[in-house]
Amino acid sequence: GCGVMWKAQHHFLRRVHDTLKASFRKPRAVVLSFPHNPTTLCVSLDFFREMVRLAKREEVWLVHDFAYADLGFDGYEPPSILQVEGAKDVAVELYSMSKGFSMAGWRVAFIVGNETLIKNLAHLKSYLDYGVFTPIQVASIIALDSPYEIVEKNREVYRKRRDVLVEGLNRIGWHVEKPKGSMFLWAKIPQWVGMNSLDFSLYLLKEAKVAVSPGIGFGEYGEGYVRFALVENEHRIRQAIRGIKRAFERFTQRV
């Protein structure tokens, strides 16, 4: 397993079921994405088995955005929804080249799964664009045909950044847990700070010169959290930790 409590997965399943039942117009699809952005929540294959059963029972499609498929740490391997027997009856899965192959900005990805959904997507895209620039497609094919070591190397880069950030924050008194997947850290704002996520993010930007994303930007349930992105090298992350430490010290002196 990935270390995420099963009750969190069970709670999500119950919420999906209740929402489908309570909606005036029944949703036609449920969009999933695990490892999750911004919360870094990871799920087990059993979770996807339950989702496939629910989708078949409620007659809805499942769309799984598998953007962080390559970014599982500490032995956790993010499962694909298509590992579930019969998933292709109700599901499609999207894979991006951006993370594992460091091709962010190239805007190249692919989709696999249910034939009907994919045919309809191809029909829709025929009205929207003419496809990805050919050299980018060729480069993507070469990347996918290349040894997997490049993806493993990139994953190790993110793991080291995660460890430096988490260990540094804990060392200065901001207690956070190591995420098992994704390229983010979802951190609960220390209670003694007494700020909402937007004010706290602005405070860190001004006093620590560190940019984080306020949790409220991801919806009301994100309040009380901020999101760190593991996009800087280890040296810069250590600089950020020192800046946050100084900002905390100034804050406690004022109060």
Protein backbone atom coordinates (compact mmCIF):
# COMPACT_ATOMS: atom_id res chain seq x y z
CA GLY A 1 0.00 0.00 0.00
CA CYS A 2 0.94 3.65 -0.23
CA GLY A 3 0.48 4.56 3.41
CA VAL A 4 -2.79 6.42 2.86
CA MET A 5 -5.45 5.39 5.34
CA TRP A 6 -8.17 3.30 3.74
CA LYS A 7 -10.84 5.38 5.44
CA ALA A 8 -9.71 8.33 3.28
CA GLN A 9 -10.33 6.28 0.15
CA HIS A 10 -13.60 4.94 1.55
CA HIS A 11 -14.73 8.48 2.38
CA PHE A 12 -14.03 9.60 -1.18
CA LEU A 13 -15.98 6.67 -2.62
CA ARG A 14 -18.93 7.45 -0.39
CA ARG A 15 -18.85 11.12 -1.43
CA VAL A 16 -18.85 10.16 -5.12
CA HIS A 17 -21.77 7.79 -4.58
CA ASP A 18 -23.78 10.38 -2.63
CA THR A 19 -23.07 13.09 -5.21
CA LEU A 20 -24.24 10.89 -8.07
CA LYS A 21 -27.45 10.11 -6.21
CA ALA A 22 -28.14 13.71 -5.17
CA SER A 23 -27.40 15.44 -8.49
CA PHE A 24 -30.40 16.90 -10.31
CA ARG A 25 -28.74 16.01 -13.59
CA LYS A 26 -26.76 12.83 -13.23
CA PRO A 27 -23.07 13.39 -14.10
CA ARG A 28 -21.88 11.53 -17.15
CA ALA A 29 -18.30 11.10 -15.94
CA VAL A 30 -16.12 11.14 -12.83
CA VAL A 31 -12.64 12.63 -13.25
CA LEU A 32 -9.90 11.15 -11.07
CA SER A 33 -6.20 11.90 -10.67
CA PHE A 34 -3.90 9.90 -8.38
CA PRO A 35 -1.28 10.61 -7.13
CA HIS A 36 -3.28 13.73 -6.55
CA ASN A 37 -2.50 17.38 -7.13
CA PRO A 38 -2.49 19.29 -4.80
CA THR A 39 -3.02 16.93 -1.85
CA THR A 40 -0.49 14.25 -2.95
CA LEU A 41 -3.07 11.64 -1.91
CA CYS A 42 -2.19 8.15 -3.14
CA VAL A 43 -4.58 5.24 -3.60
CA SER A 44 -4.35 1.48 -3.89
CA LEU A 45 -5.51 -0.74 -6.72
CA ASP A 46 -8.46 -1.75 -4.52
CA PHE A 47 -9.67 1.84 -4.70
CA PHE A 48 -9.82 1.63 -8.49
CA ARG A 49 -11.62 -1.72 -8.29
CA GLU A 50 -14.30 -0.05 -6.18
CA MET A 51 -14.50 2.91 -8.57
CA VAL A 52 -14.96 0.61 -11.57
CA ARG A 53 -17.72 -1.28 -9.77
CA LEU A 54 -19.40 2.00 -8.86
CA ALA A 55 -19.12 3.32 -12.43
CA LYS A 56 -20.72 0.21 -13.88
CA ARG A 57 -23.49 0.25 -11.30
CA GLU A 58 -24.24 3.96 -11.77
CA GLU A 59 -23.58 3.96 -15.54
CA VAL A 60 -20.99 6.74 -15.57
CA TRP A 61 -17.62 7.05 -17.30
CA LEU A 62 -14.30 7.26 -15.46
CA VAL A 63 -11.50 9.53 -16.67
CA HIS A 64 -8.21 9.04 -14.84
CA ASP A 65 -5.56 11.72 -15.31
CA PHE A 66 -2.38 9.72 -14.60
CA ALA A 67 -0.06 12.74 -14.80
CA TYR A 68 2.17 11.57 -11.93
CA ALA A 69 2.34 7.92 -12.92
CA ASP A 70 6.15 7.94 -12.74
CA LEU A 71 6.46 9.78 -9.44
CA GLY A 72 5.95 7.23 -6.69
CA PHE A 73 8.46 7.06 -3.84
CA ASP A 74 9.67 4.69 -1.13
CA GLY A 75 8.55 1.57 -2.96
CA TYR A 76 5.09 2.86 -3.83
CA GLU A 77 4.14 2.31 -7.48
CA PRO A 78 1.06 4.30 -8.51
CA PRO A 79 -1.50 1.84 -9.92
CA SER A 80 -3.21 2.30 -13.25
CA ILE A 81 -6.99 2.09 -13.31
CA LEU A 82 -6.60 -0.13 -16.39
CA GLN A 83 -5.02 -2.81 -14.20
CA VAL A 84 -8.56 -3.51 -12.99
CA GLU A 85 -10.31 -6.27 -14.91
CA GLY A 86 -13.13 -4.79 -16.98
CA ALA A 87 -11.98 -1.20 -16.48
CA LYS A 88 -11.91 -0.56 -20.23
CA ASP A 89 -15.68 -0.98 -20.25
CA VAL A 90 -16.05 2.34 -18.42
CA ALA A 91 -12.66 4.07 -18.19
CA VAL A 92 -9.93 5.91 -20.04
CA GLU A 93 -6.56 6.99 -18.71
CA LEU A 94 -4.36 9.89 -19.76
CA TYR A 95 -0.58 9.86 -19.53
CA SER A 96 1.58 12.97 -19.85
CA MET A 97 5.20 13.10 -20.99
CA SER A 98 5.75 16.24 -18.90
CA LYS A 99 6.90 14.76 -15.60
CA GLY A 100 8.68 11.45 -16.03
CA PHE A 101 10.42 12.54 -19.24
CA SER A 102 10.94 16.23 -18.29
CA MET A 103 8.97 17.39 -21.33
CA ALA A 104 6.86 20.03 -19.62
CA GLY A 105 5.70 22.66 -22.10
CA TRP A 106 5.85 20.28 -25.06
CA ARG A 107 2.14 19.59 -24.48
CA VAL A 108 2.28 15.95 -25.50
CA ALA A 109 0.32 13.11 -23.94
CA PHE A 110 -1.72 10.08 -24.92
CA ILE A 111 -4.93 8.38 -23.87
CA VAL A 112 -5.78 4.68 -23.59
CA GLY A 113 -8.85 2.73 -22.57
CA ASN A 114 -12.46 2.63 -23.72
CA GLU A 115 -12.73 2.65 -27.51
CA THR A 116 -15.97 4.65 -27.64
CA LEU A 117 -14.61 7.49 -25.52
CA ILE A 118 -11.36 7.66 -27.46
CA LYS A 119 -13.17 7.76 -30.82
CA ASN A 120 -15.33 10.62 -29.56
CA LEU A 121 -12.27 12.48 -28.29
CA ALA A 122 -10.57 12.08 -31.67
CA HIS A 123 -13.70 13.42 -33.36
CA LEU A 124 -13.80 16.41 -31.01
CA LYS A 125 -10.11 17.18 -31.48
CA SER A 126 -10.53 17.16 -35.25
CA TYR A 127 -12.47 20.40 -34.79
CA LEU A 128 -9.98 21.94 -32.38
CA ASP A 129 -6.48 21.32 -33.73
CA TYR A 130 -4.40 19.50 -36.31
CA GLY A 131 -2.32 17.43 -33.91
CA VAL A 132 1.00 17.85 -32.15
CA PHE A 133 3.97 19.28 -34.09
CA THR A 134 5.57 16.28 -35.85
CA PRO A 135 9.13 16.64 -34.43
CA ILE A 136 7.64 16.61 -30.93
CA GLN A 137 5.76 13.41 -31.74
CA VAL A 138 8.96 11.82 -33.07
CA ALA A 139 10.89 12.88 -29.95
CA SER A 140 8.13 11.42 -27.77
CA ILE A 141 8.27 8.09 -29.60
CA ILE A 142 12.04 7.96 -29.13
CA ALA A 143 11.63 8.78 -25.42
CA LEU A 144 9.06 6.02 -24.94
CA ASP A 145 11.27 3.54 -26.80
CA SER A 146 14.33 4.50 -24.75
CA PRO A 147 15.54 2.69 -21.60
CA TYR A 148 13.41 3.44 -18.54
CA GLU A 149 16.46 4.60 -16.59
CA ILE A 150 15.80 8.23 -17.55
CA VAL A 151 12.43 8.12 -15.80
CA GLU A 152 13.97 6.46 -12.75
CA LYS A 153 16.66 9.14 -12.68
CA ASN A 154 14.07 11.92 -12.80
CA ARG A 155 12.05 10.24 -10.05
CA GLU A 156 15.14 10.13 -7.86
CA VAL A 157 15.67 13.87 -8.43
CA TYR A 158 12.16 14.57 -7.13
CA ARG A 159 12.60 12.19 -4.19
CA LYS A 160 15.76 13.96 -3.06
CA ARG A 161 14.06 17.35 -3.34
CA ARG A 162 11.12 16.03 -1.33
CA ASP A 163 13.42 14.73 1.41
CA VAL A 164 15.36 18.00 1.66
CA LEU A 165 12.15 20.03 1.88
CA VAL A 166 10.34 17.78 4.36
CA GLU A 167 13.34 17.29 6.62
CA GLY A 168 14.11 21.00 6.52
CA LEU A 169 10.58 22.07 7.42
CA ASN A 170 10.40 19.57 10.27
CA ARG A 171 13.75 20.78 11.56
CA ILE A 172 12.46 24.36 11.91
CA GLY A 173 9.24 23.27 13.61
CA TRP A 174 6.83 22.98 10.67
CA HIS A 175 5.69 19.37 10.98
CA VAL A 176 4.86 17.73 7.65
CA GLU A 177 4.83 14.16 6.33
CA LYS A 178 6.63 12.84 3.28
CA PRO A 179 4.26 12.38 0.35
CA LYS A 180 4.35 8.98 -1.34
CA GLY A 181 3.79 10.42 -4.79
CA SER A 182 3.52 13.46 -7.10
CA MET A 183 5.84 16.48 -7.34
CA PHE A 184 4.24 18.46 -4.52
CA LEU A 185 4.08 18.79 -0.76
CA TRP A 186 0.68 19.59 0.77
CA ALA A 187 1.49 21.25 4.08
CA LYS A 188 -0.91 22.14 6.88
CA ILE A 189 -0.28 25.68 8.10
CA PRO A 190 1.05 25.65 11.69
CA GLN A 191 -1.82 26.42 14.05
CA TRP A 192 0.15 29.05 15.95
CA VAL A 193 0.44 31.17 12.80
CA GLY A 194 -3.24 32.14 12.92
CA MET A 195 -3.49 33.14 9.24
CA ASN A 196 -5.61 31.89 6.39
CA SER A 197 -3.83 30.28 3.46
CA LEU A 198 -3.82 33.37 1.25
CA ASP A 199 -2.44 35.69 3.94
CA PHE A 200 0.13 33.11 4.96
CA SER A 201 1.27 32.64 1.36
CA LEU A 202 1.68 36.39 0.96
CA TYR A 203 3.60 36.52 4.25
CA LEU A 204 6.04 33.84 3.07
CA LEU A 205 6.47 35.61 -0.25
CA LYS A 206 7.25 38.93 1.43
CA GLU A 207 9.24 37.80 4.47
CA ALA A 208 10.88 34.57 3.28
CA LYS A 209 11.01 35.19 -0.48
CA VAL A 210 9.35 31.80 -0.93
CA ALA A 211 6.38 31.25 -3.24
CA VAL A 212 3.76 28.67 -2.26
CA SER A 213 0.22 28.15 -3.52
CA PRO A 214 -2.55 28.98 -1.02
CA GLY A 215 -4.85 26.05 -0.40
CA ILE A 216 -7.97 28.15 -0.88
CA GLY A 217 -6.99 28.47 -4.53
CA PHE A 218 -7.90 24.79 -4.95
CA GLY A 219 -11.32 25.16 -3.35
CA GLU A 220 -12.84 25.68 0.07
CA TYR A 221 -11.53 22.39 1.44
CA GLY A 222 -7.97 23.52 0.72
CA GLU A 223 -8.15 26.27 3.33
CA GLY A 224 -5.59 25.79 6.07
CA TYR A 225 -2.97 24.34 3.71
CA VAL A 226 -0.35 25.51 1.24
CA ARG A 227 1.23 23.61 -1.64
CA PHE A 228 4.95 23.47 -2.31
CA ALA A 229 6.12 22.42 -5.79
CA LEU A 230 9.36 20.43 -6.03
CA VAL A 231 10.61 22.41 -9.01
CA GLU A 232 13.79 23.90 -7.53
CA ASN A 233 17.11 22.16 -6.94
CA GLU A 234 18.24 21.05 -3.49
CA HIS A 235 20.42 24.11 -2.92
CA ARG A 236 17.53 26.47 -3.61
CA ILE A 237 15.25 24.42 -1.37
CA ARG A 238 17.73 24.77 1.49
CA GLN A 239 17.78 28.52 0.85
CA ALA A 240 13.99 28.52 1.08
CA ILE A 241 14.09 26.66 4.40
CA ARG A 242 16.46 29.26 5.83
CA GLY A 243 14.18 32.04 4.60
CA ILE A 244 11.12 30.43 6.19
CA LYS A 245 13.00 29.93 9.45
CA ARG A 246 13.90 33.64 9.58
CA ALA A 247 10.31 34.59 8.73
CA PHE A 248 9.00 32.39 11.56
CA GLU A 249 11.48 33.92 14.01
CA ARG A 250 10.41 37.45 13.08
CA PHE A 251 6.76 36.47 13.39
CA THR A 252 7.16 35.00 16.88
CA GLN A 253 9.10 38.06 18.02
CA ARG A 254 6.23 40.31 16.95
CA VAL A 255 3.57 38.32 18.77
